């Protein structure tokens, strides 16, 4: 190791989805290999990598946002640019392990220890004012969740012992029908909690819940105000910031409940991904990840891909 470089080439901090990431060009420059070799490494191991966790495929619009947020003046985005791929720490390690030799191992170790091991909030540069604003928003949402607990229990007309997935409602005095909510409505955060859908970080998986609703034809767009038989969106200004609030009406909740009963609360769409060959400490056949695969099933108005993977915490 005496011949190892004392300092790695500089890597500008790049953050996407609150995670530090690196591009094909970064990996090639750090390991002194061609970009084409890195691309081929991805192609060989693509089945072992999970989109949205190990890597992200950015659209041209997301590239512009990525460039602006990370102050990447050297990132060239032409009119012909269709997108770019960036890798998180886990995705980088899969590709970097294909580069053999003591120097490759040294670069890999140094990059993990010096670049990826940074607190997420520090990496994203979140201001204290924004954190305070987010905290207030969470407090207000929690108050709304408590206020609709009793009315939503009437819609979830199913014994707790039978589902084994819905927590029993707490017996407490709560205000009825706050101004923000209409009778029987619920937020997607509350619905995720009622269905026991949590992310791997332990938070209510609202993205999964909203995607399920979209596949059922329930509008969940939060870019503008609307009011339809299944849902409504209200745009408000909170502490000088525009905050959208999405509410699902009883008819939309009933669609979700019917889907949950058919899929055993999404368990029937559970997929298990296994290693196809020995990799590190893992053996061929070991479980790599468990995810839930949602398909739009031809529903109009769904602006996402026909298939989308979600990782959920066991429930």
C-alpha atoms as a PDB file:
ATOM      1  CA  UNK A   1       0.000   0.000   0.000  1.00  0.00           C
ATOM      2  CA  UNK A   2       3.040   2.319   0.105  1.00  0.00           C
ATOM      3  CA  UNK A   3       2.569   3.132  -3.570  1.00  0.00           C
ATOM      4  CA  UNK A   4      -1.043   4.153  -3.119  1.00  0.00           C
ATOM      5  CA  UNK A   5      -1.915   7.787  -3.911  1.00  0.00           C
ATOM      6  CA  UNK A   6      -2.059  10.025  -0.843  1.00  0.00           C
ATOM      7  CA  UNK A   7      -5.023  11.996  -2.180  1.00  0.00           C
ATOM      8  CA  UNK A   8      -7.906  11.089  -4.473  1.00  0.00           C
ATOM      9  CA  UNK A   9      -9.017  13.264  -7.370  1.00  0.00           C
ATOM     10  CA  UNK A  10     -11.513  15.879  -6.206  1.00  0.00           C
ATOM     11  CA  UNK A  11     -15.180  14.876  -6.367  1.00  0.00           C
ATOM     12  CA  UNK A  12     -17.668  17.728  -6.146  1.00  0.00           C
ATOM     13  CA  UNK A  13     -20.417  16.947  -3.623  1.00  0.00           C
ATOM     14  CA  UNK A  14     -23.456  15.712  -5.545  1.00  0.00           C
ATOM     15  CA  UNK A  15     -26.767  14.959  -3.846  1.00  0.00           C
ATOM     16  CA  UNK A  16     -29.971  13.442  -5.181  1.00  0.00           C
ATOM     17  CA  UNK A  17     -32.945  12.306  -3.073  1.00  0.00           C
ATOM     18  CA  UNK A  18     -30.984  13.277   0.070  1.00  0.00           C
ATOM     19  CA  UNK A  19     -28.180  10.846  -0.849  1.00  0.00           C
ATOM     20  CA  UNK A  20     -24.681  11.500  -2.111  1.00  0.00           C
ATOM     21  CA  UNK A  21     -24.205  10.106  -5.596  1.00  0.00           C
ATOM     22  CA  UNK A  22     -21.540   9.719  -8.285  1.00  0.00           C
ATOM     23  CA  UNK A  23     -21.821   9.507 -12.073  1.00  0.00           C
ATOM     24  CA  UNK A  24     -20.248   7.259 -14.677  1.00  0.00           C
ATOM     25  CA  UNK A  25     -17.640   9.964 -15.343  1.00  0.00           C
ATOM     26  CA  UNK A  26     -16.775  10.263 -11.639  1.00  0.00           C
ATOM     27  CA  UNK A  27     -16.230   6.519 -11.254  1.00  0.00           C
ATOM     28  CA  UNK A  28     -14.140   6.332 -14.409  1.00  0.00           C
ATOM     29  CA  UNK A  29     -11.947   9.253 -13.337  1.00  0.00           C
ATOM     30  CA  UNK A  30     -11.433   7.965  -9.794  1.00  0.00           C
ATOM     31  CA  UNK A  31     -10.493   4.452 -10.869  1.00  0.00           C
ATOM     32  CA  UNK A  32      -8.578   5.583 -13.970  1.00  0.00           C
ATOM     33  CA  UNK A  33     -10.645   3.449 -16.331  1.00  0.00           C
ATOM     34  CA  UNK A  34     -12.702   4.291 -19.389  1.00  0.00           C
ATOM     35  CA  UNK A  35     -16.307   5.349 -19.033  1.00  0.00           C
ATOM     36  CA  UNK A  36     -17.278   2.521 -21.378  1.00  0.00           C
ATOM     37  CA  UNK A  37     -15.802   0.004 -18.934  1.00  0.00           C
ATOM     38  CA  UNK A  38     -17.948   1.392 -16.119  1.00  0.00           C
ATOM     39  CA  UNK A  39     -21.047   1.225 -18.327  1.00  0.00           C
ATOM     40  CA  UNK A  40     -20.298  -2.404 -19.186  1.00  0.00           C
ATOM     41  CA  UNK A  41     -19.887  -3.173 -15.473  1.00  0.00           C
ATOM     42  CA  UNK A  42     -23.378  -1.789 -14.891  1.00  0.00           C
ATOM     43  CA  UNK A  43     -24.801  -3.831 -17.756  1.00  0.00           C
ATOM     44  CA  UNK A  44     -23.299  -7.025 -16.340  1.00  0.00           C
ATOM     45  CA  UNK A  45     -24.647  -6.387 -12.845  1.00  0.00           C
ATOM     46  CA  UNK A  46     -27.898  -4.576 -13.657  1.00  0.00           C
ATOM     47  CA  UNK A  47     -29.990  -7.417 -12.216  1.00  0.00           C
ATOM     48  CA  UNK A  48     -28.246  -6.963  -8.858  1.00  0.00           C
ATOM     49  CA  UNK A  49     -28.965  -3.230  -8.718  1.00  0.00           C
ATOM     50  CA  UNK A  50     -32.255  -1.716  -7.616  1.00  0.00           C
ATOM     51  CA  UNK A  51     -33.449   1.466  -9.291  1.00  0.00           C
ATOM     52  CA  UNK A  52     -34.332   4.154  -6.764  1.00  0.00           C
ATOM     53  CA  UNK A  53     -32.000   2.633  -4.170  1.00  0.00           C
ATOM     54  CA  UNK A  54     -28.702   1.737  -5.834  1.00  0.00           C
ATOM     55  CA  UNK A  55     -29.004   4.191  -8.721  1.00  0.00           C
ATOM     56  CA  UNK A  56     -31.253   6.841 -10.270  1.00  0.00           C
ATOM     57  CA  UNK A  57     -32.046   7.553 -13.906  1.00  0.00           C
ATOM     58  CA  UNK A  58     -32.506  11.323 -14.160  1.00  0.00           C
ATOM     59  CA  UNK A  59     -34.604  12.863 -16.889  1.00  0.00           C
ATOM     60  CA  UNK A  60     -33.392  15.989 -18.692  1.00  0.00           C
ATOM     61  CA  UNK A  61     -35.547  18.143 -16.419  1.00  0.00           C
ATOM     62  CA  UNK A  62     -34.144  16.375 -13.361  1.00  0.00           C
ATOM     63  CA  UNK A  63     -30.634  16.907 -14.748  1.00  0.00           C
ATOM     64  CA  UNK A  64     -31.247  20.649 -14.778  1.00  0.00           C
ATOM     65  CA  UNK A  65     -32.439  20.488 -11.172  1.00  0.00           C
ATOM     66  CA  UNK A  66     -29.461  18.273 -10.257  1.00  0.00           C
ATOM     67  CA  UNK A  67     -27.023  20.728 -11.856  1.00  0.00           C
ATOM     68  CA  UNK A  68     -28.558  23.753 -10.140  1.00  0.00           C
ATOM     69  CA  UNK A  69     -28.854  22.196  -6.673  1.00  0.00           C
ATOM     70  CA  UNK A  70     -25.271  20.922  -6.712  1.00  0.00           C
ATOM     71  CA  UNK A  71     -23.721  23.937  -8.498  1.00  0.00           C
ATOM     72  CA  UNK A  72     -22.206  21.725 -11.203  1.00  0.00           C
ATOM     73  CA  UNK A  73     -21.123  24.359 -13.700  1.00  0.00           C
ATOM     74  CA  UNK A  74     -19.098  21.796 -15.654  1.00  0.00           C
ATOM     75  CA  UNK A  75     -22.108  19.520 -16.249  1.00  0.00           C
ATOM     76  CA  UNK A  76     -23.060  19.976 -19.896  1.00  0.00           C
ATOM     77  CA  UNK A  77     -26.743  19.587 -20.767  1.00  0.00           C
ATOM     78  CA  UNK A  78     -27.527  20.008 -24.441  1.00  0.00           C
ATOM     79  CA  UNK A  79     -30.909  20.039 -26.153  1.00  0.00           C
ATOM     80  CA  UNK A  80     -30.206  16.457 -27.225  1.00  0.00           C
ATOM     81  CA  UNK A  81     -29.530  15.274 -23.670  1.00  0.00           C
ATOM     82  CA  UNK A  82     -32.076  12.639 -22.654  1.00  0.00           C
ATOM     83  CA  UNK A  83     -30.890  12.001 -19.103  1.00  0.00           C
ATOM     84  CA  UNK A  84     -28.089  10.641 -16.949  1.00  0.00           C
ATOM     85  CA  UNK A  85     -27.516   7.882 -14.410  1.00  0.00           C
ATOM     86  CA  UNK A  86     -26.113   8.446 -10.930  1.00  0.00           C
ATOM     87  CA  UNK A  87     -25.191   5.873  -8.286  1.00  0.00           C
ATOM     88  CA  UNK A  88     -25.583   5.836  -4.514  1.00  0.00           C
ATOM     89  CA  UNK A  89     -22.995   4.286  -2.210  1.00  0.00           C
ATOM     90  CA  UNK A  90     -24.479   0.787  -2.556  1.00  0.00           C
ATOM     91  CA  UNK A  91     -24.623   1.026  -6.346  1.00  0.00           C
ATOM     92  CA  UNK A  92     -21.087   2.396  -6.561  1.00  0.00           C
ATOM     93  CA  UNK A  93     -19.730  -0.475  -4.470  1.00  0.00           C
ATOM     94  CA  UNK A  94     -21.267  -3.076  -6.786  1.00  0.00           C
ATOM     95  CA  UNK A  95     -19.522  -1.500  -9.793  1.00  0.00           C
ATOM     96  CA  UNK A  96     -16.275  -0.694  -7.982  1.00  0.00           C
ATOM     97  CA  UNK A  97     -15.843  -4.294  -6.813  1.00  0.00           C
ATOM     98  CA  UNK A  98     -15.393  -5.285 -10.463  1.00  0.00           C
ATOM     99  CA  UNK A  99     -12.165  -3.262 -10.605  1.00  0.00           C
ATOM    100  CA  UNK A 100      -9.377  -5.499  -9.341  1.00  0.00           C
ATOM    101  CA  UNK A 101      -6.096  -4.621  -7.698  1.00  0.00           C
ATOM    102  CA  UNK A 102      -4.792  -2.974  -4.540  1.00  0.00           C
ATOM    103  CA  UNK A 103      -5.166   0.548  -5.913  1.00  0.00           C
ATOM    104  CA  UNK A 104      -8.827  -0.046  -6.857  1.00  0.00           C
ATOM    105  CA  UNK A 105      -9.525  -1.340  -3.349  1.00  0.00           C
ATOM    106  CA  UNK A 106      -7.782   1.690  -1.859  1.00  0.00           C
ATOM    107  CA  UNK A 107      -9.788   4.137  -3.973  1.00  0.00           C
ATOM    108  CA  UNK A 108     -12.994   2.318  -3.099  1.00  0.00           C
ATOM    109  CA  UNK A 109     -12.267   2.445   0.627  1.00  0.00           C
ATOM    110  CA  UNK A 110     -11.231   6.093   0.620  1.00  0.00           C
ATOM    111  CA  UNK A 111     -14.270   7.216  -1.364  1.00  0.00           C
ATOM    112  CA  UNK A 112     -16.664   5.434   0.993  1.00  0.00           C
ATOM    113  CA  UNK A 113     -14.984   6.843   4.093  1.00  0.00           C
ATOM    114  CA  UNK A 114     -14.438  10.406   2.845  1.00  0.00           C
ATOM    115  CA  UNK A 115     -17.272  11.076   0.404  1.00  0.00           C
ATOM    116  CA  UNK A 116     -20.328   8.971   1.217  1.00  0.00           C
ATOM    117  CA  UNK A 117     -20.072   9.052   5.011  1.00  0.00           C
ATOM    118  CA  UNK A 118     -21.564  12.513   5.386  1.00  0.00           C
ATOM    119  CA  UNK A 119     -24.719  13.388   7.256  1.00  0.00           C
ATOM    120  CA  UNK A 120     -27.588  13.733   4.850  1.00  0.00           C
ATOM    121  CA  UNK A 121     -28.719  17.136   6.076  1.00  0.00           C
ATOM    122  CA  UNK A 122     -25.205  18.545   5.869  1.00  0.00           C
ATOM    123  CA  UNK A 123     -24.817  17.161   2.354  1.00  0.00           C
ATOM    124  CA  UNK A 124     -28.045  18.752   1.170  1.00  0.00           C
ATOM    125  CA  UNK A 125     -27.437  22.053   2.961  1.00  0.00           C
ATOM    126  CA  UNK A 126     -30.897  22.154   4.537  1.00  0.00           C
ATOM    127  CA  UNK A 127     -31.366  25.427   6.402  1.00  0.00           C
ATOM    128  CA  UNK A 128     -32.592  25.631   9.976  1.00  0.00           C
ATOM    129  CA  UNK A 129     -35.592  27.705   8.862  1.00  0.00           C
ATOM    130  CA  UNK A 130     -36.663  24.977   6.452  1.00  0.00           C
ATOM    131  CA  UNK A 131     -36.302  22.338   9.170  1.00  0.00           C
ATOM    132  CA  UNK A 132     -38.490  24.404  11.480  1.00  0.00           C
ATOM    133  CA  UNK A 133     -41.067  24.794   8.701  1.00  0.00           C
ATOM    134  CA  UNK A 134     -41.058  21.051   8.034  1.00  0.00           C
ATOM    135  CA  UNK A 135     -41.438  20.340  11.742  1.00  0.00           C
ATOM    136  CA  UNK A 136     -44.477  22.618  11.947  1.00  0.00           C
ATOM    137  CA  UNK A 137     -45.989  20.915   8.907  1.00  0.00           C
ATOM    138  CA  UNK A 138     -45.524  17.492  10.508  1.00  0.00           C
ATOM    139  CA  UNK A 139     -47.153  18.695  13.745  1.00  0.00           C
ATOM    140  CA  UNK A 140     -50.169  20.022  11.825  1.00  0.00           C
ATOM    141  CA  UNK A 141     -50.473  16.766   9.893  1.00  0.00           C
ATOM    142  CA  UNK A 142     -50.376  14.759  13.127  1.00  0.00           C
ATOM    143  CA  UNK A 143     -53.212  16.870  14.514  1.00  0.00           C
ATOM    144  CA  UNK A 144     -55.281  16.222  11.399  1.00  0.00           C
ATOM    145  CA  UNK A 145     -54.588  12.493  11.601  1.00  0.00           C
ATOM    146  CA  UNK A 146     -55.857  12.346  15.166  1.00  0.00           C
ATOM    147  CA  UNK A 147     -58.962  14.373  14.279  1.00  0.00           C
ATOM    148  CA  UNK A 148     -60.137  11.958  11.541  1.00  0.00           C
ATOM    149  CA  UNK A 149     -59.310   8.735  13.414  1.00  0.00           C
ATOM    150  CA  UNK A 150     -62.844   8.123  14.610  1.00  0.00           C
ATOM    151  CA  UNK A 151     -64.601   8.913  11.311  1.00  0.00           C
ATOM    152  CA  UNK A 152     -62.181   6.745   9.334  1.00  0.00           C
ATOM    153  CA  UNK A 153     -62.736   3.800  11.687  1.00  0.00           C
ATOM    154  CA  UNK A 154     -66.335   3.665  10.472  1.00  0.00           C
ATOM    155  CA  UNK A 155     -65.091   3.220   6.898  1.00  0.00           C
ATOM    156  CA  UNK A 156     -62.603   0.536   7.886  1.00  0.00           C
ATOM    157  CA  UNK A 157     -65.407  -1.722   9.012  1.00  0.00           C
ATOM    158  CA  UNK A 158     -63.228  -4.758   9.622  1.00  0.00           C
ATOM    159  CA  UNK A 159     -62.212  -6.302  12.969  1.00  0.00           C
ATOM    160  CA  UNK A 160     -58.614  -5.799  14.044  1.00  0.00           C
ATOM    161  CA  UNK A 161     -58.288  -9.519  14.830  1.00  0.00           C
ATOM    162  CA  UNK A 162     -59.257 -10.410  11.259  1.00  0.00           C
ATOM    163  CA  UNK A 163     -56.837  -8.112   9.382  1.00  0.00           C
ATOM    164  CA  UNK A 164     -53.956  -8.202  11.880  1.00  0.00           C
ATOM    165  CA  UNK A 165     -52.550  -5.233  10.028  1.00  0.00           C
ATOM    166  CA  UNK A 166     -54.570  -2.285  11.357  1.00  0.00           C
ATOM    167  CA  UNK A 167     -53.745  -0.947  14.784  1.00  0.00           C
ATOM    168  CA  UNK A 168     -56.644  -0.516  17.204  1.00  0.00           C
ATOM    169  CA  UNK A 169     -57.815   3.115  17.453  1.00  0.00           C
ATOM    170  CA  UNK A 170     -56.754   4.954  20.566  1.00  0.00           C
ATOM    171  CA  UNK A 171     -59.553   5.943  22.895  1.00  0.00           C
ATOM    172  CA  UNK A 172     -59.105   9.648  23.383  1.00  0.00           C
ATOM    173  CA  UNK A 173     -61.095  12.810  23.053  1.00  0.00           C
ATOM    174  CA  UNK A 174     -60.450  14.396  19.655  1.00  0.00           C
ATOM    175  CA  UNK A 175     -62.027  17.385  17.895  1.00  0.00           C
ATOM    176  CA  UNK A 176     -64.519  16.542  15.173  1.00  0.00           C
ATOM    177  CA  UNK A 177     -64.230  17.766  11.578  1.00  0.00           C
ATOM    178  CA  UNK A 178     -61.458  20.396  11.730  1.00  0.00           C
ATOM    179  CA  UNK A 179     -61.678  23.160   9.095  1.00  0.00           C
ATOM    180  CA  UNK A 180     -58.954  21.540   6.958  1.00  0.00           C
ATOM    181  CA  UNK A 181     -60.867  18.277   6.548  1.00  0.00           C
ATOM    182  CA  UNK A 182     -64.335  17.351   5.455  1.00  0.00           C
ATOM    183  CA  UNK A 183     -66.268  14.457   6.948  1.00  0.00           C
ATOM    184  CA  UNK A 184     -64.681  11.076   6.273  1.00  0.00           C
ATOM    185  CA  UNK A 185     -61.575  12.360   4.473  1.00  0.00           C
ATOM    186  CA  UNK A 186     -58.041  11.165   5.170  1.00  0.00           C
ATOM    187  CA  UNK A 187     -54.492  12.039   4.206  1.00  0.00           C
ATOM    188  CA  UNK A 188     -52.251   9.539   2.430  1.00  0.00           C
ATOM    189  CA  UNK A 189     -49.960   9.550   5.478  1.00  0.00           C
ATOM    190  CA  UNK A 190     -52.820   8.347   7.649  1.00  0.00           C
ATOM    191  CA  UNK A 191     -53.907   5.751   5.083  1.00  0.00           C
ATOM    192  CA  UNK A 192     -50.345   4.408   4.893  1.00  0.00           C
ATOM    193  CA  UNK A 193     -50.304   4.034   8.671  1.00  0.00           C
ATOM    194  CA  UNK A 194     -53.679   2.317   8.713  1.00  0.00           C
ATOM    195  CA  UNK A 195     -52.497  -0.165   6.070  1.00  0.00           C
ATOM    196  CA  UNK A 196     -49.180  -0.587   7.910  1.00  0.00           C
ATOM    197  CA  UNK A 197     -47.182   0.490   4.852  1.00  0.00           C
ATOM    198  CA  UNK A 198     -43.890   1.906   6.043  1.00  0.00           C
ATOM    199  CA  UNK A 199     -40.656   2.710   4.239  1.00  0.00           C
ATOM    200  CA  UNK A 200     -37.410   0.990   5.177  1.00  0.00           C
ATOM    201  CA  UNK A 201     -36.695   4.082   7.317  1.00  0.00           C
ATOM    202  CA  UNK A 202     -39.851   3.379   9.327  1.00  0.00           C
ATOM    203  CA  UNK A 203     -41.909   6.307   7.992  1.00  0.00           C
ATOM    204  CA  UNK A 204     -45.427   5.989   6.519  1.00  0.00           C
ATOM    205  CA  UNK A 205     -44.899   5.156   2.832  1.00  0.00           C
ATOM    206  CA  UNK A 206     -47.071   7.869   1.258  1.00  0.00           C
ATOM    207  CA  UNK A 207     -45.449   7.418  -2.180  1.00  0.00           C
ATOM    208  CA  UNK A 208     -46.525   3.783  -2.288  1.00  0.00           C
ATOM    209  CA  UNK A 209     -50.023   4.698  -1.066  1.00  0.00           C
ATOM    210  CA  UNK A 210     -50.422   7.456  -3.655  1.00  0.00           C
ATOM    211  CA  UNK A 211     -49.232   5.187  -6.456  1.00  0.00           C
ATOM    212  CA  UNK A 212     -51.760   2.522  -5.451  1.00  0.00           C
ATOM    213  CA  UNK A 213     -54.482   5.166  -5.518  1.00  0.00           C
ATOM    214  CA  UNK A 214     -53.346   6.343  -8.956  1.00  0.00           C
ATOM    215  CA  UNK A 215     -53.531   2.809 -10.311  1.00  0.00           C
ATOM    216  CA  UNK A 216     -57.127   2.746  -9.061  1.00  0.00           C
ATOM    217  CA  UNK A 217     -57.989   5.950 -10.918  1.00  0.00           C
ATOM    218  CA  UNK A 218     -57.858   8.270  -7.875  1.00  0.00           C
ATOM    219  CA  UNK A 219     -56.269  11.635  -8.674  1.00  0.00           C
ATOM    220  CA  UNK A 220     -53.278  12.395  -6.391  1.00  0.00           C
ATOM    221  CA  UNK A 221     -51.533  15.233  -8.239  1.00  0.00           C
ATOM    222  CA  UNK A 222     -50.388  17.971  -5.815  1.00  0.00           C
ATOM    223  CA  UNK A 223     -49.376  20.590  -8.380  1.00  0.00           C
ATOM    224  CA  UNK A 224     -52.701  22.443  -8.454  1.00  0.00           C
ATOM    225  CA  UNK A 225     -56.038  22.683  -6.647  1.00  0.00           C
ATOM    226  CA  UNK A 226     -58.932  20.407  -7.603  1.00  0.00           C
ATOM    227  CA  UNK A 227     -61.982  18.747  -6.086  1.00  0.00           C
ATOM    228  CA  UNK A 228     -63.481  15.539  -7.501  1.00  0.00           C
ATOM    229  CA  UNK A 229     -65.586  12.669  -6.084  1.00  0.00           C
ATOM    230  CA  UNK A 230     -62.500  10.729  -4.958  1.00  0.00           C
ATOM    231  CA  UNK A 231     -59.976  13.321  -3.791  1.00  0.00           C
ATOM    232  CA  UNK A 232     -59.182  16.992  -3.492  1.00  0.00           C
ATOM    233  CA  UNK A 233     -56.036  19.101  -3.271  1.00  0.00           C
ATOM    234  CA  UNK A 234     -55.736  22.418  -1.417  1.00  0.00           C
ATOM    235  CA  UNK A 235     -52.785  24.777  -1.948  1.00  0.00           C
ATOM    236  CA  UNK A 236     -51.935  26.935   1.079  1.00  0.00           C
ATOM    237  CA  UNK A 237     -49.187  29.342   2.067  1.00  0.00           C
ATOM    238  CA  UNK A 238     -47.458  28.322   5.301  1.00  0.00           C
ATOM    239  CA  UNK A 239     -44.654  30.494   6.696  1.00  0.00           C
ATOM    240  CA  UNK A 240     -44.147  32.034   3.281  1.00  0.00           C
ATOM    241  CA  UNK A 241     -43.980  28.670   1.500  1.00  0.00           C
ATOM    242  CA  UNK A 242     -46.518  27.034  -0.811  1.00  0.00           C
ATOM    243  CA  UNK A 243     -47.702  23.775   0.787  1.00  0.00           C
ATOM    244  CA  UNK A 244     -50.107  21.404  -1.040  1.00  0.00           C
ATOM    245  CA  UNK A 245     -52.463  19.238   1.004  1.00  0.00           C
ATOM    246  CA  UNK A 246     -53.976  16.101  -0.507  1.00  0.00           C
ATOM    247  CA  UNK A 247     -57.160  14.636   0.965  1.00  0.00           C
ATOM    248  CA  UNK A 248     -58.727  11.337  -0.060  1.00  0.00           C
ATOM    249  CA  UNK A 249     -62.512  11.243   0.103  1.00  0.00           C
ATOM    250  CA  UNK A 250     -64.583   8.274   1.367  1.00  0.00           C
ATOM    251  CA  UNK A 251     -65.194   7.026  -2.195  1.00  0.00           C
ATOM    252  CA  UNK A 252     -61.438   7.011  -2.851  1.00  0.00           C
ATOM    253  CA  UNK A 253     -60.751   5.332   0.490  1.00  0.00           C
ATOM    254  CA  UNK A 254     -63.289   2.638  -0.366  1.00  0.00           C
ATOM    255  CA  UNK A 255     -61.444   1.946  -3.646  1.00  0.00           C
ATOM    256  CA  UNK A 256     -58.242   1.514  -1.651  1.00  0.00           C
ATOM    257  CA  UNK A 257     -59.926  -0.799   0.859  1.00  0.00           C
ATOM    258  CA  UNK A 258     -61.360  -3.003  -1.878  1.00  0.00           C
ATOM    259  CA  UNK A 259     -57.894  -3.283  -3.439  1.00  0.00           C
ATOM    260  CA  UNK A 260     -56.351  -4.107  -0.055  1.00  0.00           C
ATOM    261  CA  UNK A 261     -58.805  -6.931   0.521  1.00  0.00           C
ATOM    262  CA  UNK A 262     -58.056  -8.414  -2.906  1.00  0.00           C
ATOM    263  CA  UNK A 263     -54.273  -8.225  -2.442  1.00  0.00           C
ATOM    264  CA  UNK A 264     -54.145  -8.966   1.324  1.00  0.00           C
ATOM    265  CA  UNK A 265     -52.914  -5.427   1.897  1.00  0.00           C
ATOM    266  CA  UNK A 266     -50.335  -5.717  -0.955  1.00  0.00           C
ATOM    267  CA  UNK A 267     -48.843  -9.006   0.221  1.00  0.00           C
ATOM    268  CA  UNK A 268     -49.905 -10.773  -2.972  1.00  0.00           C
ATOM    269  CA  UNK A 269     -47.702  -8.440  -5.066  1.00  0.00           C
ATOM    270  CA  UNK A 270     -44.640  -9.100  -2.906  1.00  0.00           C
ATOM    271  CA  UNK A 271     -41.550 -10.062  -4.918  1.00  0.00           C
ATOM    272  CA  UNK A 272     -38.311 -11.615  -3.674  1.00  0.00           C
ATOM    273  CA  UNK A 273     -35.059 -10.913  -5.524  1.00  0.00           C
ATOM    274  CA  UNK A 274     -32.160 -13.327  -4.981  1.00  0.00           C
ATOM    275  CA  UNK A 275     -28.480 -13.291  -5.859  1.00  0.00           C
ATOM    276  CA  UNK A 276     -27.910 -15.210  -9.074  1.00  0.00           C
ATOM    277  CA  UNK A 277     -24.275 -15.925  -8.206  1.00  0.00           C
ATOM    278  CA  UNK A 278     -21.881 -15.611  -5.281  1.00  0.00           C
ATOM    279  CA  UNK A 279     -21.208 -11.975  -4.422  1.00  0.00           C
ATOM    280  CA  UNK A 280     -19.062 -10.954  -1.449  1.00  0.00           C
ATOM    281  CA  UNK A 281     -20.369 -12.705   1.654  1.00  0.00           C
ATOM    282  CA  UNK A 282     -23.559 -13.691  -0.171  1.00  0.00           C
ATOM    283  CA  UNK A 283     -24.154 -17.000  -1.882  1.00  0.00           C
ATOM    284  CA  UNK A 284     -26.182 -17.712  -4.986  1.00  0.00           C
ATOM    285  CA  UNK A 285     -29.808 -18.015  -3.934  1.00  0.00           C
ATOM    286  CA  UNK A 286     -29.543 -15.695  -0.918  1.00  0.00           C
ATOM    287  CA  UNK A 287     -32.259 -13.045  -0.661  1.00  0.00           C
ATOM    288  CA  UNK A 288     -31.007  -9.700  -2.009  1.00  0.00           C
ATOM    289  CA  UNK A 289     -34.146  -7.617  -1.584  1.00  0.00           C
ATOM    290  CA  UNK A 290     -37.869  -7.828  -1.067  1.00  0.00           C
ATOM    291  CA  UNK A 291     -40.007  -5.355  -2.958  1.00  0.00           C
ATOM    292  CA  UNK A 292     -43.568  -4.727  -4.079  1.00  0.00           C
ATOM    293  CA  UNK A 293     -44.187  -4.383  -7.808  1.00  0.00           C
ATOM    294  CA  UNK A 294     -47.058  -2.095  -8.777  1.00  0.00           C
ATOM    295  CA  UNK A 295     -48.493  -2.103 -12.280  1.00  0.00           C
ATOM    296  CA  UNK A 296     -50.798   0.557 -13.650  1.00  0.00           C
ATOM    297  CA  UNK A 297     -52.919  -2.066 -15.397  1.00  0.00           C
ATOM    298  CA  UNK A 298     -53.759   0.359 -18.196  1.00  0.00           C
ATOM    299  CA  UNK A 299     -55.327   3.052 -15.991  1.00  0.00           C
ATOM    300  CA  UNK A 300     -55.463   6.393 -17.784  1.00  0.00           C
ATOM    301  CA  UNK A 301     -53.881   9.445 -16.213  1.00  0.00           C
ATOM    302  CA  UNK A 302     -50.996   7.602 -14.528  1.00  0.00           C
ATOM    303  CA  UNK A 303     -47.889   9.562 -15.479  1.00  0.00           C
ATOM    304  CA  UNK A 304     -45.376   7.045 -14.197  1.00  0.00           C
ATOM    305  CA  UNK A 305     -43.859   3.929 -15.691  1.00  0.00           C
ATOM    306  CA  UNK A 306     -46.116   0.926 -16.197  1.00  0.00           C
ATOM    307  CA  UNK A 307     -44.210  -0.913 -13.477  1.00  0.00           C
ATOM    308  CA  UNK A 308     -42.714   0.593 -10.325  1.00  0.00           C
ATOM    309  CA  UNK A 309     -40.839  -1.064  -7.488  1.00  0.00           C
ATOM    310  CA  UNK A 310     -41.271  -0.109  -3.852  1.00  0.00           C
ATOM    311  CA  UNK A 311     -39.377  -1.304  -0.801  1.00  0.00           C
ATOM    312  CA  UNK A 312     -41.584  -1.632   2.258  1.00  0.00           C
ATOM    313  CA  UNK A 313     -40.655  -2.447   5.809  1.00  0.00           C
ATOM    314  CA  UNK A 314     -42.087  -5.820   6.849  1.00  0.00           C
ATOM    315  CA  UNK A 315     -45.594  -5.398   8.239  1.00  0.00           C
END
